[in-house]
Amino acid sequence: MTTCPLPIDWLDFLEDNDLPELADHLSKCRSCQEVVSRLRSAAAQSIPVSGLSAIGPKLVPQEVTSVAPGDMFVTSDSFKSSFYHYAGLDRLIVLVLRSTDEVAGHRWFDVIPASIDVDNSIPTDILVDASDTTISRPLCLDMAQQITVSAQQLGWRLGTLTETGDAVVRAAVDGQIDLRRTGPVLEGEDDPRLVARQESARIIRTLSGPRSRVIEAGLIEQAQVWPKVLFLTVKGVRRTSAHKVLAASAQSHSVFIATLAKQTYGVELSGELRTDPDDNLWIHFSKAAGWTSPMRAVVHRQVGHAVTSQAFLPVPGHDVILVRRQNLFPKEVTGIELRLE
């Protein structure tokens, strides 16, 4: 039985077709043909401005005269200032979330990357319908990749959110997420949808560079910067498993709740810890509001070294694996450190 190449191998193949072994395998393997097809489709995550007018008559760039929450822009391919510069960068569609401040001679805005490739959405994405924007096309909003950019990094305006679209996005930012508007569950770490986002992630990192440089230079007061680390305390509570009518014979058991050790303005996070038969430690988020960037959990325990999870975005009603296959029970957890990326 021949082992199929990994999705990342197929990404290399799409960039360089001079790989005869892969080409031969692809011609015979239906499963890999489907993977490659999805990777090609996902490449629309970063699209050149020259191709926008071909997508539809409503996607005609407009010159930027002002920037407001709810506006949708195509990013500029270059940026130059006294503290940071880049050129020749692929462009992305972004949604303006809010104005943040005016620092270092620039007006800064929180933005969310968007894509027309709704077929390759993932659970941390929010899907907006054609009626939710003046672009009149369904879009996928990558909530986990929110960044702060200068107005000078925005190229051309494509359109804006409609009233219904604005309501959808505001609710998502506040943690009130309609699961019908999120992408399908991931199939694993090698899911083609994740691999295909590596290029757009590189573009997003470059776009976030100017703001990062401003912060590093100390030009922003510390109070204006979101905390990079949050800490959850874990406490066991008793929960009754039967209705009050049966209180005399009801059995109770301990559940372990994780809550913020220190209240942070605008942020709500809490959840219940549990294990599964495969010895994975999970957290079920009951509250998750005020943060739309990914984080990693560092789980501290009574005995042994702390364990760091994979990056995730907390969503109310969703479960996240914190520790895989280490036979760690909730009662052994002394605290959870959340490192925001």
Foldseek 3Di string as FASTA:
>chain_A
DDDQDFLLVLVVCVVPVPPVVNVVVCVPDPVVVVLNVVLVLLLQQFDALVCQCVVDVLQDFDFDPDDAAFWKFKWDQWDDDPQDIDHNFTIFIKGFHHWQQQFPNFTKTKIWTKGLSQVLFEQLWFWDALLQWSSSGIMITNLQLIAMATPNRTGTISTGTDPVNVVQVVCVQFQNHDSVRGDDYAPDPRGSSVSSCPSVVVSSVSRRVVVVRCVVVVRDPPVSDDDQKWKWFKDWDKDWDDDPVCVVPIDIDIWIKIFTPDDDPFFGWMFTWAADPLLWIKTATQDTHRDRHWKWKFWDFPDDHTDIADIDHDHHRDMDTNGGRPNDGSVGTGMIMIGTD
